[in-house]
Amino acid sequence: MVRTRLLALLLIPIAFALMGSAMLVDPPPIPVPAKLTAKDVSKAIRAAIVLRGWVAAKDENGVIDAILDVRTHEVKVAIKYDPKQVEIKYVDSKNLDYDEKGGTRHIHKKYNQWIGNMVGDIQRALQAEVISHE
């Protein structure tokens, strides 16, 4: 009886840790509307990411290194772009419980929300860039 209670108490922190974890999967490429140049795409991405606090640390050779700092958490992604598509790839993080086991990556569930927001914001910014060219 005592052993069972002790085991239950030891498993509680593990259960809470797992509840905040999610599988990390890079989003599918975002198609770029026709008639936009690489410069237009870069402009749209930078305008989109700043809306939610991301910082474009570097924009060179078709890749924007973006960083988000939220309280004690930090995440870095590489946003590769050209006139045909935009790809977002996880690079690194701090205090987001990143882990890789057996080829499967896991991270705090907030990461996927942040990236989902980024994808939507970039899609809208690309459409706005098209409209500004008309």
Protein backbone atom coordinates (compact mmCIF):
# COMPACT_ATOMS: atom_id res chain seq x y z
CA MET A 1 0.00 0.00 0.00
CA VAL A 2 2.76 2.43 0.96
CA ARG A 3 4.76 1.40 -2.11
CA THR A 4 1.77 2.03 -4.37
CA ARG A 5 1.27 5.53 -2.95
CA LEU A 6 4.96 6.29 -3.23
CA LEU A 7 4.98 5.13 -6.86
CA ALA A 8 1.92 7.26 -7.61
CA LEU A 9 3.59 10.31 -6.09
CA LEU A 10 6.70 9.73 -8.16
CA LEU A 11 4.72 9.38 -11.39
CA ILE A 12 2.71 12.59 -10.97
CA PRO A 13 5.54 14.95 -12.10
CA ILE A 14 6.19 12.73 -15.10
CA ALA A 15 2.51 12.85 -16.08
CA PHE A 16 2.45 16.65 -15.82
CA ALA A 17 5.61 16.91 -17.91
CA LEU A 18 4.09 14.76 -20.64
CA MET A 19 0.89 16.82 -20.77
CA GLY A 20 2.87 19.89 -21.91
CA SER A 21 4.76 18.02 -24.61
CA ALA A 22 3.80 17.60 -28.25
CA MET A 23 5.37 16.08 -31.32
CA LEU A 24 7.45 18.62 -33.24
CA VAL A 25 6.74 18.45 -36.95
CA ASP A 26 7.88 21.21 -39.29
CA PRO A 27 4.88 22.62 -41.19
CA PRO A 28 4.44 21.88 -44.90
CA PRO A 29 5.83 24.47 -47.33
CA ILE A 30 3.74 27.59 -47.84
CA PRO A 31 3.14 28.26 -51.55
CA VAL A 32 4.03 31.76 -52.73
CA PRO A 33 1.50 33.47 -55.03
CA ALA A 34 2.64 34.11 -58.59
CA LYS A 35 4.36 37.37 -59.52
CA LEU A 36 6.22 37.84 -56.22
CA THR A 37 10.00 38.15 -56.23
CA ALA A 38 12.30 36.80 -53.53
CA LYS A 39 12.60 40.39 -52.25
CA ASP A 40 8.78 40.63 -52.02
CA VAL A 41 8.62 37.31 -50.15
CA SER A 42 11.31 38.40 -47.68
CA LYS A 43 9.47 41.67 -47.05
CA ALA A 44 6.18 39.86 -46.43
CA ILE A 45 7.77 37.32 -44.06
CA ARG A 46 9.53 39.98 -42.00
CA ALA A 47 6.32 42.03 -41.77
CA ALA A 48 4.35 38.95 -40.70
CA ILE A 49 6.65 37.60 -38.00
CA VAL A 50 7.11 40.90 -36.19
CA LEU A 51 3.36 40.97 -35.43
CA ARG A 52 3.75 38.29 -32.75
CA GLY A 53 7.14 39.31 -31.37
CA TRP A 54 9.50 37.32 -33.60
CA VAL A 55 12.77 39.03 -34.50
CA ALA A 56 14.50 38.52 -37.84
CA ALA A 57 18.06 38.05 -36.60
CA LYS A 58 19.47 37.57 -40.10
CA ASP A 59 18.13 37.58 -43.67
CA GLU A 60 20.70 36.21 -46.10
CA ASN A 61 20.75 33.92 -49.12
CA GLY A 62 17.03 33.17 -48.98
CA VAL A 63 16.96 32.28 -45.27
CA ILE A 64 15.62 34.35 -42.39
CA ASP A 65 16.81 33.30 -38.93
CA ALA A 66 13.92 34.17 -36.60
CA ILE A 67 13.95 34.23 -32.81
CA LEU A 68 11.07 34.43 -30.34
CA ASP A 69 11.67 35.23 -26.66
CA VAL A 70 8.71 34.66 -24.36
CA ARG A 71 9.51 35.13 -20.67
CA THR A 72 12.15 32.44 -20.00
CA HIS A 73 11.54 30.58 -23.26
CA GLU A 74 13.38 31.06 -26.53
CA VAL A 75 12.93 29.41 -29.91
CA LYS A 76 14.90 29.78 -33.13
CA VAL A 77 13.65 28.80 -36.57
CA ALA A 78 15.06 29.09 -40.09
CA ILE A 79 12.61 30.42 -42.67
CA LYS A 80 13.82 29.43 -46.13
CA TYR A 81 12.13 31.28 -48.98
CA ASP A 82 12.17 31.79 -52.73
CA PRO A 83 9.56 32.98 -55.26
CA LYS A 84 7.84 29.56 -55.14
CA GLN A 85 7.60 28.59 -51.46
CA VAL A 86 8.41 29.32 -47.82
CA GLU A 87 9.65 26.60 -45.46
CA ILE A 88 9.89 26.88 -41.67
CA LYS A 89 12.36 24.60 -39.86
CA TYR A 90 13.04 24.25 -36.16
CA VAL A 91 16.64 25.14 -35.23
CA ASP A 92 16.94 25.40 -31.44
CA SER A 93 15.16 26.32 -28.22
CA LYS A 94 15.66 27.05 -24.54
CA ASN A 95 13.30 25.99 -21.75
CA LEU A 96 10.84 24.32 -24.14
CA ASP A 97 11.68 20.74 -23.14
CA TYR A 98 12.95 19.75 -26.60
CA ASP A 99 13.77 16.06 -26.80
CA GLU A 100 14.45 13.57 -29.57
CA LYS A 101 14.07 9.85 -29.09
CA GLY A 102 13.94 7.20 -31.76
CA GLY A 103 13.84 9.82 -34.51
CA THR A 104 10.75 11.54 -33.05
CA ARG A 105 11.11 15.11 -31.85
CA HIS A 106 9.05 16.47 -28.94
CA ILE A 107 8.73 20.01 -27.61
CA HIS A 108 6.43 22.10 -25.43
CA LYS A 109 2.98 22.28 -27.02
CA LYS A 110 3.15 26.09 -27.23
CA TYR A 111 5.78 25.77 -29.97
CA ASN A 112 3.25 24.28 -32.39
CA GLN A 113 0.81 27.10 -31.62
CA TRP A 114 3.48 29.72 -32.26
CA ILE A 115 4.46 28.12 -35.57
CA GLY A 116 0.82 27.69 -36.60
CA ASN A 117 0.30 31.40 -35.99
CA MET A 118 3.45 32.18 -37.98
CA VAL A 119 2.23 30.12 -40.95
CA GLY A 120 -1.13 31.92 -41.01
CA ASP A 121 0.50 35.33 -40.63
CA ILE A 122 2.93 34.63 -43.49
CA GLN A 123 0.12 33.42 -45.76
CA ARG A 124 -1.86 36.62 -45.11
CA ALA A 125 1.22 38.80 -45.61
CA LEU A 126 1.99 37.13 -48.94
CA GLN A 127 -1.57 37.79 -50.12
CA ALA A 128 -1.30 41.42 -48.99
CA GLU A 129 1.95 41.74 -50.91
CA VAL A 130 0.20 40.49 -54.07
CA ILE A 131 -2.59 43.04 -53.57
CA SER A 132 -0.06 45.86 -53.11
CA HIS A 133 1.39 45.02 -56.54
CA GLU A 134 -1.94 45.32 -58.36
